[in-house]
Amino acid sequence: MKFDWDFWIIFGFVGQIMFFMRFLVQWIESERQKKSVIPISFWYFSLLGTLMLALYALHRNDPVFLVGQSMGFFIYVRNLMLIRKEQKCDASVVS
């Protein structure tokens, strides 16, 4: 099988790397704290990775891959919204 290493193939691989990075940062932070934690960077890598992979799937006209990637988007955004809300509450308690 021969691949043409065009923009979209590279873009798809970068999206996969972003998606992998979420697991890497979660593992490193959990090891650092000696307990299972999910750092905020996990959600940002998840969001970036899923957006890039959804765009790649759209370009490839792959509805299965597109739907699979798109569903996570709402979960990642919602988690970031909850984190932001919690941070605002914590900041108002400190003030």
N, C-alpha and C. Protein backbone atom coordinates (compact mmCIF):
# COMPACT_ATOMS: atom_id res chain seq x y z
N MET A 1 0.85 -1.18 0.00
CA MET A 1 0.00 0.00 0.00
C MET A 1 0.89 1.24 0.00
N LYS A 2 0.63 2.14 -0.92
CA LYS A 2 1.42 3.37 -1.02
C LYS A 2 0.57 4.55 -0.53
N PHE A 3 1.16 5.34 0.34
CA PHE A 3 0.47 6.52 0.85
C PHE A 3 1.06 7.77 0.21
N ASP A 4 0.19 8.69 -0.15
CA ASP A 4 0.63 10.02 -0.57
C ASP A 4 0.64 10.87 0.68
N TRP A 5 1.81 11.31 1.10
CA TRP A 5 1.96 12.07 2.33
C TRP A 5 1.58 13.52 2.10
N ASP A 6 0.30 13.73 1.86
CA ASP A 6 -0.19 15.08 1.65
C ASP A 6 -0.56 15.72 2.99
N PHE A 7 -1.07 16.93 2.92
CA PHE A 7 -1.45 17.69 4.11
C PHE A 7 -2.39 16.90 5.00
N TRP A 8 -3.42 16.26 4.43
CA TRP A 8 -4.44 15.61 5.23
C TRP A 8 -3.94 14.37 5.97
N ILE A 9 -3.02 13.65 5.36
CA ILE A 9 -2.44 12.49 6.07
C ILE A 9 -1.64 12.97 7.27
N ILE A 10 -0.83 14.00 7.07
CA ILE A 10 -0.04 14.56 8.17
C ILE A 10 -0.96 15.14 9.23
N PHE A 11 -2.00 15.86 8.80
CA PHE A 11 -2.98 16.44 9.72
C PHE A 11 -3.64 15.34 10.55
N GLY A 12 -4.02 14.23 9.93
CA GLY A 12 -4.64 13.11 10.64
C GLY A 12 -3.70 12.51 11.67
N PHE A 13 -2.43 12.34 11.30
CA PHE A 13 -1.46 11.81 12.26
C PHE A 13 -1.23 12.77 13.42
N VAL A 14 -1.18 14.06 13.16
CA VAL A 14 -1.02 15.04 14.24
C VAL A 14 -2.24 14.98 15.16
N GLY A 15 -3.42 14.82 14.59
CA GLY A 15 -4.63 14.65 15.40
C GLY A 15 -4.53 13.43 16.30
N GLN A 16 -4.02 12.33 15.75
CA GLN A 16 -3.83 11.11 16.55
C GLN A 16 -2.82 11.35 17.67
N ILE A 17 -1.77 12.08 17.37
CA ILE A 17 -0.76 12.40 18.39
C ILE A 17 -1.39 13.24 19.51
N MET A 18 -2.21 14.23 19.14
CA MET A 18 -2.88 15.06 20.15
C MET A 18 -3.78 14.19 21.03
N PHE A 19 -4.49 13.26 20.40
CA PHE A 19 -5.37 12.38 21.15
C PHE A 19 -4.56 11.48 22.08
N PHE A 20 -3.41 10.99 21.62
CA PHE A 20 -2.54 10.17 22.47
C PHE A 20 -1.99 10.98 23.63
N MET A 21 -1.68 12.26 23.41
CA MET A 21 -1.08 13.09 24.44
C MET A 21 -1.95 13.18 25.69
N ARG A 22 -3.26 13.07 25.52
CA ARG A 22 -4.14 13.14 26.69
C ARG A 22 -3.85 11.99 27.64
N PHE A 23 -3.59 10.80 27.09
CA PHE A 23 -3.26 9.66 27.94
C PHE A 23 -1.89 9.83 28.57
N LEU A 24 -0.96 10.36 27.82
CA LEU A 24 0.39 10.56 28.34
C LEU A 24 0.40 11.54 29.51
N VAL A 25 -0.27 12.70 29.35
CA VAL A 25 -0.26 13.68 30.44
C VAL A 25 -1.03 13.16 31.66
N GLN A 26 -2.08 12.38 31.42
CA GLN A 26 -2.83 11.82 32.55
C GLN A 26 -1.96 10.82 33.31
N TRP A 27 -1.25 10.00 32.59
CA TRP A 27 -0.38 9.00 33.22
C TRP A 27 0.75 9.67 34.00
N ILE A 28 1.40 10.65 33.40
CA ILE A 28 2.51 11.35 34.06
C ILE A 28 2.02 12.04 35.34
N GLU A 29 0.89 12.73 35.25
CA GLU A 29 0.37 13.44 36.42
C GLU A 29 -0.07 12.46 37.52
N SER A 30 -0.66 11.35 37.13
CA SER A 30 -1.05 10.34 38.12
C SER A 30 0.17 9.75 38.81
N GLU A 31 1.21 9.49 38.05
CA GLU A 31 2.44 8.97 38.65
C GLU A 31 3.06 10.00 39.58
N ARG A 32 3.03 11.26 39.18
CA ARG A 32 3.59 12.33 40.00
C ARG A 32 2.85 12.45 41.33
N GLN A 33 1.53 12.35 41.28
CA GLN A 33 0.73 12.50 42.50
C GLN A 33 0.50 11.17 43.24
N LYS A 34 0.93 10.07 42.64
CA LYS A 34 0.77 8.74 43.23
C LYS A 34 -0.70 8.38 43.46
N LYS A 35 -1.57 8.90 42.58
CA LYS A 35 -2.99 8.55 42.58
C LYS A 35 -3.55 8.89 41.20
N SER A 36 -4.68 8.32 40.87
CA SER A 36 -5.28 8.57 39.56
C SER A 36 -5.92 9.96 39.53
N VAL A 37 -5.45 10.78 38.62
CA VAL A 37 -5.99 12.14 38.45
C VAL A 37 -6.16 12.43 36.96
N ILE A 38 -7.03 13.37 36.66
CA ILE A 38 -7.21 13.82 35.29
C ILE A 38 -6.91 15.31 35.25
N PRO A 39 -5.73 15.69 34.76
CA PRO A 39 -5.37 17.11 34.69
C PRO A 39 -6.19 17.82 33.61
N ILE A 40 -6.32 19.13 33.73
CA ILE A 40 -7.10 19.90 32.76
C ILE A 40 -6.52 19.76 31.35
N SER A 41 -5.22 19.56 31.23
CA SER A 41 -4.61 19.39 29.91
C SER A 41 -5.17 18.14 29.20
N PHE A 42 -5.61 17.14 29.95
CA PHE A 42 -6.25 15.96 29.37
C PHE A 42 -7.43 16.37 28.51
N TRP A 43 -8.26 17.28 29.05
CA TRP A 43 -9.47 17.71 28.34
C TRP A 43 -9.12 18.57 27.13
N TYR A 44 -8.09 19.40 27.25
CA TYR A 44 -7.69 20.22 26.09
C TYR A 44 -7.10 19.36 24.98
N PHE A 45 -6.26 18.39 25.33
CA PHE A 45 -5.74 17.47 24.30
C PHE A 45 -6.88 16.65 23.70
N SER A 46 -7.84 16.24 24.51
CA SER A 46 -9.00 15.50 24.00
C SER A 46 -9.77 16.33 22.99
N LEU A 47 -10.02 17.58 23.34
CA LEU A 47 -10.77 18.48 22.47
C LEU A 47 -10.02 18.74 21.17
N LEU A 48 -8.75 19.07 21.26
CA LEU A 48 -7.95 19.33 20.06
C LEU A 48 -7.85 18.08 19.19
N GLY A 49 -7.58 16.95 19.81
CA GLY A 49 -7.45 15.70 19.05
C GLY A 49 -8.74 15.33 18.35
N THR A 50 -9.87 15.44 19.06
CA THR A 50 -11.14 15.06 18.45
C THR A 50 -11.54 16.03 17.34
N LEU A 51 -11.24 17.32 17.50
CA LEU A 51 -11.54 18.28 16.43
C LEU A 51 -10.72 17.98 15.18
N MET A 52 -9.45 17.72 15.37
CA MET A 52 -8.58 17.43 14.23
C MET A 52 -9.00 16.13 13.54
N LEU A 53 -9.30 15.10 14.33
CA LEU A 53 -9.70 13.83 13.74
C LEU A 53 -11.08 13.91 13.08
N ALA A 54 -11.97 14.72 13.63
CA ALA A 54 -13.28 14.91 12.99
C ALA A 54 -13.12 15.64 11.65
N LEU A 55 -12.25 16.64 11.60
CA LEU A 55 -11.99 17.32 10.33
C LEU A 55 -11.37 16.37 9.32
N TYR A 56 -10.47 15.53 9.78
CA TYR A 56 -9.85 14.53 8.91
C TYR A 56 -10.92 13.57 8.38
N ALA A 57 -11.81 13.10 9.25
CA ALA A 57 -12.88 12.20 8.83
C ALA A 57 -13.81 12.87 7.84
N LEU A 58 -14.09 14.14 8.07
CA LEU A 58 -14.93 14.91 7.14
C LEU A 58 -14.27 14.98 5.77
N HIS A 59 -12.98 15.27 5.76
CA HIS A 59 -12.24 15.32 4.50
C HIS A 59 -12.27 13.97 3.79
N ARG A 60 -12.18 12.89 4.55
CA ARG A 60 -12.16 11.54 3.98
C ARG A 60 -13.56 11.03 3.64
N ASN A 61 -14.58 11.83 3.95
CA ASN A 61 -15.98 11.42 3.74
C ASN A 61 -16.30 10.10 4.44
N ASP A 62 -15.86 10.01 5.69
CA ASP A 62 -16.07 8.80 6.48
C ASP A 62 -17.07 9.10 7.59
N PRO A 63 -18.36 8.83 7.36
CA PRO A 63 -19.38 9.19 8.35
C PRO A 63 -19.24 8.43 9.67
N VAL A 64 -18.76 7.19 9.62
CA VAL A 64 -18.61 6.42 10.85
C VAL A 64 -17.55 7.04 11.75
N PHE A 65 -16.40 7.34 11.18
CA PHE A 65 -15.30 7.96 11.91
C PHE A 65 -15.71 9.36 12.38
N LEU A 66 -16.42 10.11 11.54
CA LEU A 66 -16.85 11.47 11.89
C LEU A 66 -17.79 11.45 13.08
N VAL A 67 -18.78 10.58 13.07
CA VAL A 67 -19.73 10.51 14.18
C VAL A 67 -19.01 10.07 15.46
N GLY A 68 -18.13 9.08 15.32
CA GLY A 68 -17.38 8.59 16.48
C GLY A 68 -16.55 9.67 17.13
N GLN A 69 -15.92 10.51 16.34
CA GLN A 69 -15.09 11.58 16.89
C GLN A 69 -15.94 12.74 17.40
N SER A 70 -17.02 13.02 16.73
CA SER A 70 -17.85 14.18 17.08
C SER A 70 -18.54 14.02 18.43
N MET A 71 -18.92 12.83 18.80
CA MET A 71 -19.64 12.62 20.05
C MET A 71 -18.81 13.02 21.27
N GLY A 72 -17.53 12.76 21.25
CA GLY A 72 -16.66 13.12 22.37
C GLY A 72 -16.54 14.62 22.56
N PHE A 73 -16.69 15.37 21.47
CA PHE A 73 -16.55 16.83 21.53
C PHE A 73 -17.42 17.43 22.63
N PHE A 74 -18.67 17.04 22.71
CA PHE A 74 -19.59 17.61 23.69
C PHE A 74 -19.19 17.24 25.12
N ILE A 75 -18.69 16.04 25.30
CA ILE A 75 -18.24 15.61 26.63
C ILE A 75 -17.04 16.42 27.07
N TYR A 76 -16.09 16.64 26.16
CA TYR A 76 -14.87 17.38 26.50
C TYR A 76 -15.19 18.85 26.80
N VAL A 77 -16.05 19.45 26.00
CA VAL A 77 -16.44 20.84 26.24
C VAL A 77 -17.17 20.95 27.58
N ARG A 78 -18.07 20.02 27.85
CA ARG A 78 -18.83 20.07 29.10
C ARG A 78 -17.91 19.93 30.31
N ASN A 79 -16.95 19.04 30.24
CA ASN A 79 -16.00 18.89 31.34
C ASN A 79 -15.20 20.17 31.55
N LEU A 80 -14.78 20.82 30.48
CA LEU A 80 -14.06 22.09 30.62
C LEU A 80 -14.96 23.17 31.22
N MET A 81 -16.25 23.16 30.87
CA MET A 81 -17.19 24.12 31.46
C MET A 81 -17.34 23.88 32.96
N LEU A 82 -17.43 22.61 33.35
CA LEU A 82 -17.56 22.28 34.78
C LEU A 82 -16.30 22.67 35.55
N ILE A 83 -15.15 22.45 34.96
CA ILE A 83 -13.88 22.84 35.60
C ILE A 83 -13.82 24.34 35.78
N ARG A 84 -14.19 25.08 34.74
CA ARG A 84 -14.18 26.55 34.82
C ARG A 84 -15.14 27.04 35.90
N LYS A 85 -16.32 26.44 35.96
CA LYS A 85 -17.30 26.83 36.98
C LYS A 85 -16.75 26.57 38.38
N GLU A 86 -16.11 25.41 38.56
CA GLU A 86 -15.52 25.08 39.86
C GLU A 86 -14.40 26.05 40.22
N GLN A 87 -13.59 26.41 39.24
CA GLN A 87 -12.49 27.36 39.49
C GLN A 87 -13.03 28.73 39.88
N LYS A 88 -14.12 29.16 39.25
CA LYS A 88 -14.72 30.45 39.62
C LYS A 88 -15.28 30.41 41.04
N CYS A 89 -15.91 29.30 41.40
CA CYS A 89 -16.44 29.15 42.76
C CYS A 89 -15.31 29.16 43.78
N ASP A 90 -14.23 28.45 43.48
CA ASP A 90 -13.08 28.42 44.38
C ASP A 90 -12.46 29.81 44.52
N ALA A 91 -12.41 30.55 43.43
CA ALA A 91 -11.81 31.90 43.47
C ALA A 91 -12.68 32.85 44.29
N SER A 92 -14.01 32.69 44.21
CA SER A 92 -14.87 33.57 44.98
C SER A 92 -14.83 33.24 46.47
N VAL A 93 -14.57 32.00 46.83
CA VAL A 93 -14.46 31.60 48.24
C VAL A 93 -13.18 32.18 48.83
N VAL A 94 -12.10 32.20 48.04
CA VAL A 94 -10.80 32.72 48.50
C VAL A 94 -10.85 34.24 48.67
N SER A 95 -11.62 34.92 47.83
CA SER A 95 -11.66 36.39 47.85
C SER A 95 -12.30 36.94 49.09
